[in-house]
């Protein structure tokens, strides 16, 4: 599992919980570091509000790098357009 989350509280909670359940977890705190990830990834938990690279752009790039991975976007955004853009990104 790849977590892409810049918020320490959220990232730590996700990382700790998933590891406690026996998952192999990698936590990247920036979009740029996430798009150079290597190795197999089955699931990506992706924050849309990253400081260095927009989460939608990260999703597009990860789709190319990890076409079989399931990508779940995490966001506080509520606009319908954000949902549409996210779905179009993959």
C-alpha atoms as a PDB file:
ATOM      1  CA  UNK A   1       0.000   0.000   0.000  1.00  0.00           C
ATOM      2  CA  UNK A   2       1.262   3.448  -0.903  1.00  0.00           C
ATOM      3  CA  UNK A   3       0.050   6.379   1.187  1.00  0.00           C
ATOM      4  CA  UNK A   4       0.556   9.816  -0.349  1.00  0.00           C
ATOM      5  CA  UNK A   5      -0.273  12.269   2.428  1.00  0.00           C
ATOM      6  CA  UNK A   6       1.522  15.403   3.617  1.00  0.00           C
ATOM      7  CA  UNK A   7      -0.425  15.814   6.868  1.00  0.00           C
ATOM      8  CA  UNK A   8       1.563  14.117   9.644  1.00  0.00           C
ATOM      9  CA  UNK A   9      -1.490  13.326  11.791  1.00  0.00           C
ATOM     10  CA  UNK A  10      -3.488  11.702   8.994  1.00  0.00           C
ATOM     11  CA  UNK A  11      -0.485   9.976   7.444  1.00  0.00           C
ATOM     12  CA  UNK A  12       0.689   8.586  10.765  1.00  0.00           C
ATOM     13  CA  UNK A  13      -2.790   7.297  11.629  1.00  0.00           C
ATOM     14  CA  UNK A  14      -3.158   5.558   8.257  1.00  0.00           C
ATOM     15  CA  UNK A  15       0.371   4.143   8.348  1.00  0.00           C
ATOM     16  CA  UNK A  16       0.106   2.875  11.923  1.00  0.00           C
ATOM     17  CA  UNK A  17      -3.315   1.312  11.422  1.00  0.00           C
ATOM     18  CA  UNK A  18      -2.478  -0.413   8.142  1.00  0.00           C
ATOM     19  CA  UNK A  19       0.833  -1.745   9.474  1.00  0.00           C
ATOM     20  CA  UNK A  20      -0.941  -3.035  12.595  1.00  0.00           C
ATOM     21  CA  UNK A  21      -3.208  -5.037  10.298  1.00  0.00           C
ATOM     22  CA  UNK A  22      -0.225  -6.667   8.610  1.00  0.00           C
ATOM     23  CA  UNK A  23       0.013  -4.603   5.439  1.00  0.00           C
ATOM     24  CA  UNK A  24       3.283  -3.600   3.792  1.00  0.00           C
ATOM     25  CA  UNK A  25       2.988   0.196   3.732  1.00  0.00           C
ATOM     26  CA  UNK A  26       5.082   2.939   2.207  1.00  0.00           C
ATOM     27  CA  UNK A  27       4.283   6.528   3.157  1.00  0.00           C
ATOM     28  CA  UNK A  28       5.299   9.348   0.851  1.00  0.00           C
ATOM     29  CA  UNK A  29       4.783  12.888   2.097  1.00  0.00           C
ATOM     30  CA  UNK A  30       4.911  14.632  -1.293  1.00  0.00           C
ATOM     31  CA  UNK A  31       3.551  14.132  -4.763  1.00  0.00           C
ATOM     32  CA  UNK A  32       6.991  14.297  -6.338  1.00  0.00           C
ATOM     33  CA  UNK A  33       8.334  11.475  -4.177  1.00  0.00           C
ATOM     34  CA  UNK A  34       5.234   9.385  -4.892  1.00  0.00           C
ATOM     35  CA  UNK A  35       5.658   9.498  -8.663  1.00  0.00           C
ATOM     36  CA  UNK A  36       9.124   7.947  -8.470  1.00  0.00           C
ATOM     37  CA  UNK A  37       8.034   5.031  -6.312  1.00  0.00           C
ATOM     38  CA  UNK A  38       9.397   1.642  -7.299  1.00  0.00           C
ATOM     39  CA  UNK A  39       8.206  -1.860  -6.622  1.00  0.00           C
ATOM     40  CA  UNK A  40       4.732  -3.357  -6.737  1.00  0.00           C
ATOM     41  CA  UNK A  41       1.817  -1.375  -5.330  1.00  0.00           C
ATOM     42  CA  UNK A  42      -1.707  -2.772  -5.096  1.00  0.00           C
ATOM     43  CA  UNK A  43      -3.428   0.190  -3.429  1.00  0.00           C
ATOM     44  CA  UNK A  44      -2.718   3.932  -3.352  1.00  0.00           C
ATOM     45  CA  UNK A  45      -4.329   6.195  -0.757  1.00  0.00           C
ATOM     46  CA  UNK A  46      -3.835   9.619  -2.319  1.00  0.00           C
ATOM     47  CA  UNK A  47      -4.471  13.027  -0.792  1.00  0.00           C
ATOM     48  CA  UNK A  48      -5.566  15.597  -3.366  1.00  0.00           C
ATOM     49  CA  UNK A  49      -4.278  18.573  -1.387  1.00  0.00           C
ATOM     50  CA  UNK A  50      -0.531  18.091  -1.654  1.00  0.00           C
ATOM     51  CA  UNK A  51       1.752  21.123  -1.364  1.00  0.00           C
ATOM     52  CA  UNK A  52       4.165  20.376  -4.207  1.00  0.00           C
ATOM     53  CA  UNK A  53       2.155  18.641  -6.921  1.00  0.00           C
ATOM     54  CA  UNK A  54      -1.607  18.534  -7.340  1.00  0.00           C
ATOM     55  CA  UNK A  55      -3.108  15.189  -6.322  1.00  0.00           C
ATOM     56  CA  UNK A  56      -4.928  14.891  -9.650  1.00  0.00           C
ATOM     57  CA  UNK A  57      -1.612  15.188 -11.497  1.00  0.00           C
ATOM     58  CA  UNK A  58      -0.087  12.625  -9.133  1.00  0.00           C
ATOM     59  CA  UNK A  59      -2.978  10.299  -9.954  1.00  0.00           C
ATOM     60  CA  UNK A  60      -2.412  10.710 -13.695  1.00  0.00           C
ATOM     61  CA  UNK A  61       1.266   9.898 -13.328  1.00  0.00           C
ATOM     62  CA  UNK A  62       0.648   6.935 -11.017  1.00  0.00           C
ATOM     63  CA  UNK A  63      -1.874   5.545 -13.517  1.00  0.00           C
ATOM     64  CA  UNK A  64       0.984   5.351 -16.023  1.00  0.00           C
ATOM     65  CA  UNK A  65       3.482   3.902 -13.529  1.00  0.00           C
ATOM     66  CA  UNK A  66       1.084   1.565 -11.690  1.00  0.00           C
ATOM     67  CA  UNK A  67      -1.753   0.730 -14.095  1.00  0.00           C
ATOM     68  CA  UNK A  68      -3.054  -2.201 -12.023  1.00  0.00           C
ATOM     69  CA  UNK A  69      -3.123  -0.343  -8.696  1.00  0.00           C
ATOM     70  CA  UNK A  70      -6.381   0.773  -7.125  1.00  0.00           C
ATOM     71  CA  UNK A  71      -6.245   4.502  -6.384  1.00  0.00           C
ATOM     72  CA  UNK A  72      -8.427   5.937  -3.619  1.00  0.00           C
ATOM     73  CA  UNK A  73      -8.406   9.707  -3.384  1.00  0.00           C
ATOM     74  CA  UNK A  74      -8.743  11.274   0.045  1.00  0.00           C
ATOM     75  CA  UNK A  75      -9.908  14.871   0.175  1.00  0.00           C
ATOM     76  CA  UNK A  76     -11.897  17.445   2.068  1.00  0.00           C
ATOM     77  CA  UNK A  77     -12.989  18.973  -1.241  1.00  0.00           C
ATOM     78  CA  UNK A  78     -16.740  18.811  -1.840  1.00  0.00           C
ATOM     79  CA  UNK A  79     -17.215  20.381  -5.273  1.00  0.00           C
ATOM     80  CA  UNK A  80     -18.748  18.113  -7.876  1.00  0.00           C
ATOM     81  CA  UNK A  81     -16.093  19.224 -10.376  1.00  0.00           C
ATOM     82  CA  UNK A  82     -13.350  17.852  -8.104  1.00  0.00           C
ATOM     83  CA  UNK A  83     -15.075  14.462  -8.205  1.00  0.00           C
ATOM     84  CA  UNK A  84     -15.343  14.565 -12.007  1.00  0.00           C
ATOM     85  CA  UNK A  85     -11.703  15.624 -12.452  1.00  0.00           C
ATOM     86  CA  UNK A  86     -10.573  12.911 -10.045  1.00  0.00           C
ATOM     87  CA  UNK A  87     -12.502  10.210 -11.872  1.00  0.00           C
ATOM     88  CA  UNK A  88     -11.144  11.371 -15.221  1.00  0.00           C
ATOM     89  CA  UNK A  89      -7.597  11.209 -13.840  1.00  0.00           C
ATOM     90  CA  UNK A  90      -8.044   7.557 -13.023  1.00  0.00           C
END
